[in-house]
N, C-alpha and C. Protein backbone atom coordinates (compact mmCIF):
# COMPACT_ATOMS: atom_id res chain seq x y z
N MET A 1 0.81 -1.19 0.00
CA MET A 1 0.00 0.00 0.00
C MET A 1 0.86 1.26 0.00
N ALA A 2 1.97 1.24 0.70
CA ALA A 2 2.87 2.40 0.74
C ALA A 2 3.34 2.76 -0.65
N ARG A 3 3.53 1.76 -1.46
CA ARG A 3 4.00 2.00 -2.82
C ARG A 3 2.95 2.77 -3.64
N THR A 4 1.69 2.45 -3.45
CA THR A 4 0.61 3.15 -4.15
C THR A 4 0.54 4.60 -3.73
N VAL A 5 0.71 4.87 -2.45
CA VAL A 5 0.69 6.24 -1.95
C VAL A 5 1.87 7.01 -2.55
N ASP A 6 3.00 6.36 -2.63
CA ASP A 6 4.19 6.98 -3.25
C ASP A 6 3.90 7.38 -4.69
N ILE A 7 3.31 6.46 -5.43
CA ILE A 7 3.00 6.72 -6.83
C ILE A 7 1.96 7.82 -6.94
N ASP A 8 0.94 7.79 -6.09
CA ASP A 8 -0.09 8.83 -6.12
C ASP A 8 0.51 10.20 -5.82
N ALA A 9 1.43 10.26 -4.89
CA ALA A 9 2.09 11.52 -4.55
C ALA A 9 2.91 12.02 -5.74
N LYS A 10 3.60 11.11 -6.39
CA LYS A 10 4.40 11.50 -7.56
C LYS A 10 3.51 11.97 -8.71
N ILE A 11 2.39 11.30 -8.88
CA ILE A 11 1.44 11.71 -9.92
C ILE A 11 0.94 13.12 -9.62
N GLU A 12 0.59 13.39 -8.38
CA GLU A 12 0.12 14.72 -7.98
C GLU A 12 1.20 15.76 -8.22
N GLN A 13 2.45 15.45 -7.92
CA GLN A 13 3.55 16.38 -8.15
C GLN A 13 3.69 16.70 -9.64
N GLN A 14 3.59 15.66 -10.45
CA GLN A 14 3.71 15.85 -11.90
C GLN A 14 2.56 16.69 -12.43
N GLU A 15 1.36 16.46 -11.91
CA GLU A 15 0.21 17.26 -12.33
C GLU A 15 0.44 18.73 -12.00
N GLN A 16 0.99 19.01 -10.81
CA GLN A 16 1.27 20.38 -10.41
C GLN A 16 2.34 21.00 -11.30
N LYS A 17 3.35 20.22 -11.66
CA LYS A 17 4.39 20.72 -12.57
C LYS A 17 3.79 21.07 -13.92
N ILE A 18 2.91 20.20 -14.40
CA ILE A 18 2.28 20.43 -15.71
C ILE A 18 1.45 21.70 -15.67
N LEU A 19 0.67 21.89 -14.62
CA LEU A 19 -0.14 23.10 -14.49
C LEU A 19 0.73 24.35 -14.47
N LYS A 20 1.82 24.28 -13.73
CA LYS A 20 2.73 25.42 -13.65
C LYS A 20 3.36 25.72 -15.01
N LEU A 21 3.77 24.67 -15.72
CA LEU A 21 4.36 24.86 -17.04
C LEU A 21 3.35 25.40 -18.03
N GLN A 22 2.09 24.97 -17.91
CA GLN A 22 1.05 25.49 -18.80
C GLN A 22 0.86 26.99 -18.57
N GLU A 23 0.89 27.41 -17.32
CA GLU A 23 0.78 28.83 -17.01
C GLU A 23 1.96 29.60 -17.58
N GLN A 24 3.17 29.04 -17.43
CA GLN A 24 4.36 29.70 -17.97
C GLN A 24 4.29 29.80 -19.48
N LEU A 25 3.80 28.75 -20.13
CA LEU A 25 3.66 28.76 -21.58
C LEU A 25 2.67 29.83 -22.02
N GLU A 26 1.57 29.93 -21.31
CA GLU A 26 0.57 30.94 -21.65
C GLU A 26 1.15 32.35 -21.49
N GLU A 27 1.89 32.58 -20.41
CA GLU A 27 2.52 33.88 -20.21
C GLU A 27 3.54 34.17 -21.30
N ALA A 28 4.32 33.17 -21.67
CA ALA A 28 5.33 33.34 -22.72
C ALA A 28 4.65 33.63 -24.06
N GLN A 29 3.55 32.95 -24.34
CA GLN A 29 2.82 33.17 -25.59
C GLN A 29 2.25 34.58 -25.63
N ASN A 30 1.71 35.04 -24.51
CA ASN A 30 1.17 36.40 -24.45
C ASN A 30 2.27 37.44 -24.66
N GLU A 31 3.42 37.22 -24.06
CA GLU A 31 4.55 38.14 -24.23
C GLU A 31 5.02 38.14 -25.69
N TYR A 32 5.10 36.96 -26.29
CA TYR A 32 5.48 36.83 -27.70
C TYR A 32 4.50 37.60 -28.59
N ASP A 33 3.20 37.40 -28.36
CA ASP A 33 2.19 38.08 -29.16
C ASP A 33 2.30 39.60 -29.01
N ARG A 34 2.56 40.06 -27.78
CA ARG A 34 2.70 41.48 -27.53
C ARG A 34 3.91 42.04 -28.29
N LEU A 35 5.02 41.32 -28.26
CA LEU A 35 6.22 41.78 -28.95
C LEU A 35 6.05 41.79 -30.46
N VAL A 36 5.39 40.79 -31.00
CA VAL A 36 5.14 40.74 -32.45
C VAL A 36 4.25 41.91 -32.85
N GLU A 37 3.24 42.18 -32.05
CA GLU A 37 2.36 43.32 -32.35
C GLU A 37 3.14 44.63 -32.31
N LYS A 38 4.01 44.77 -31.34
CA LYS A 38 4.83 45.98 -31.22
C LYS A 38 5.75 46.13 -32.44
N LYS A 39 6.33 45.02 -32.89
CA LYS A 39 7.19 45.05 -34.08
C LYS A 39 6.39 45.42 -35.32
N ASN A 40 5.20 44.84 -35.46
CA ASN A 40 4.35 45.16 -36.60
C ASN A 40 3.99 46.64 -36.62
N GLU A 41 3.69 47.20 -35.46
CA GLU A 41 3.38 48.64 -35.39
C GLU A 41 4.59 49.47 -35.81
N ALA A 42 5.77 49.09 -35.36
CA ALA A 42 6.99 49.82 -35.74
C ALA A 42 7.22 49.71 -37.24
N ASP A 43 6.99 48.53 -37.80
CA ASP A 43 7.16 48.34 -39.25
C ASP A 43 6.18 49.20 -40.03
N MET A 44 4.94 49.27 -39.55
CA MET A 44 3.93 50.09 -40.23
C MET A 44 4.32 51.56 -40.20
N LYS A 45 4.88 52.02 -39.07
CA LYS A 45 5.31 53.42 -38.97
C LYS A 45 6.44 53.69 -39.96
N LYS A 46 7.35 52.74 -40.11
CA LYS A 46 8.46 52.91 -41.07
C LYS A 46 7.92 53.01 -42.49
N ILE A 47 6.98 52.13 -42.81
CA ILE A 47 6.40 52.15 -44.16
C ILE A 47 5.68 53.46 -44.41
N LEU A 48 4.90 53.89 -43.44
CA LEU A 48 4.17 55.15 -43.59
C LEU A 48 5.14 56.32 -43.74
N GLY A 49 6.18 56.32 -42.93
CA GLY A 49 7.19 57.38 -43.02
C GLY A 49 7.86 57.41 -44.39
N ALA A 50 8.18 56.24 -44.91
CA ALA A 50 8.80 56.16 -46.23
C ALA A 50 7.83 56.64 -47.31
N TYR A 51 6.56 56.29 -47.16
CA TYR A 51 5.56 56.73 -48.14
C TYR A 51 5.42 58.26 -48.13
N VAL A 52 5.36 58.84 -46.94
CA VAL A 52 5.20 60.28 -46.81
C VAL A 52 6.38 61.01 -47.46
N LYS A 53 7.57 60.47 -47.33
CA LYS A 53 8.77 61.10 -47.88
C LYS A 53 8.93 60.85 -49.39
N SER A 54 8.23 59.86 -49.89
CA SER A 54 8.39 59.51 -51.31
C SER A 54 7.53 60.41 -52.19
N LYS A 55 7.80 60.32 -53.48
CA LYS A 55 7.02 61.08 -54.45
C LYS A 55 6.04 60.16 -55.19
N ARG A 56 5.88 58.97 -54.66
CA ARG A 56 5.01 57.99 -55.31
C ARG A 56 3.57 58.12 -54.81
N SER A 57 2.64 57.73 -55.67
CA SER A 57 1.23 57.74 -55.26
C SER A 57 0.95 56.50 -54.41
N MET A 58 -0.16 56.54 -53.72
CA MET A 58 -0.56 55.40 -52.89
C MET A 58 -0.71 54.15 -53.75
N GLU A 59 -1.29 54.29 -54.93
CA GLU A 59 -1.48 53.15 -55.83
C GLU A 59 -0.14 52.55 -56.25
N GLU A 60 0.83 53.41 -56.53
CA GLU A 60 2.16 52.92 -56.91
C GLU A 60 2.81 52.16 -55.76
N VAL A 61 2.67 52.67 -54.56
CA VAL A 61 3.26 52.00 -53.40
C VAL A 61 2.58 50.64 -53.17
N ILE A 62 1.26 50.62 -53.25
CA ILE A 62 0.52 49.37 -53.05
C ILE A 62 0.89 48.36 -54.13
N ASP A 63 0.97 48.81 -55.37
CA ASP A 63 1.37 47.90 -56.46
C ASP A 63 2.77 47.35 -56.21
N PHE A 64 3.68 48.20 -55.76
CA PHE A 64 5.04 47.76 -55.47
C PHE A 64 5.02 46.70 -54.38
N LEU A 65 4.27 46.95 -53.32
CA LEU A 65 4.23 45.98 -52.21
C LEU A 65 3.59 44.67 -52.62
N LYS A 66 2.69 44.73 -53.58
CA LYS A 66 2.06 43.51 -54.08
C LYS A 66 2.93 42.80 -55.13
N GLY A 67 4.01 43.46 -55.53
CA GLY A 67 4.93 42.85 -56.49
C GLY A 67 4.57 43.14 -57.94
N LYS A 68 3.68 44.07 -58.14
CA LYS A 68 3.29 44.43 -59.50
C LYS A 68 4.25 45.50 -60.04
N ASN A 69 4.38 45.55 -61.36
CA ASN A 69 5.24 46.57 -61.98
C ASN A 69 4.50 47.85 -62.21
């Protein structure tokens, strides 16, 4: 019987580890998503800044970004 209690305790420990790791993964995913969004915003500002400084029309810029000539 002692052996079963040992195994049950180990199972409980592993379950707690899994729950903790799931929380850490969720936090890491949220931080990753936040950083990607921040990078995308910075990229959009760069593109907008380049467009404002250029002499190209909006249609020309969009065509260029789409790979059209």
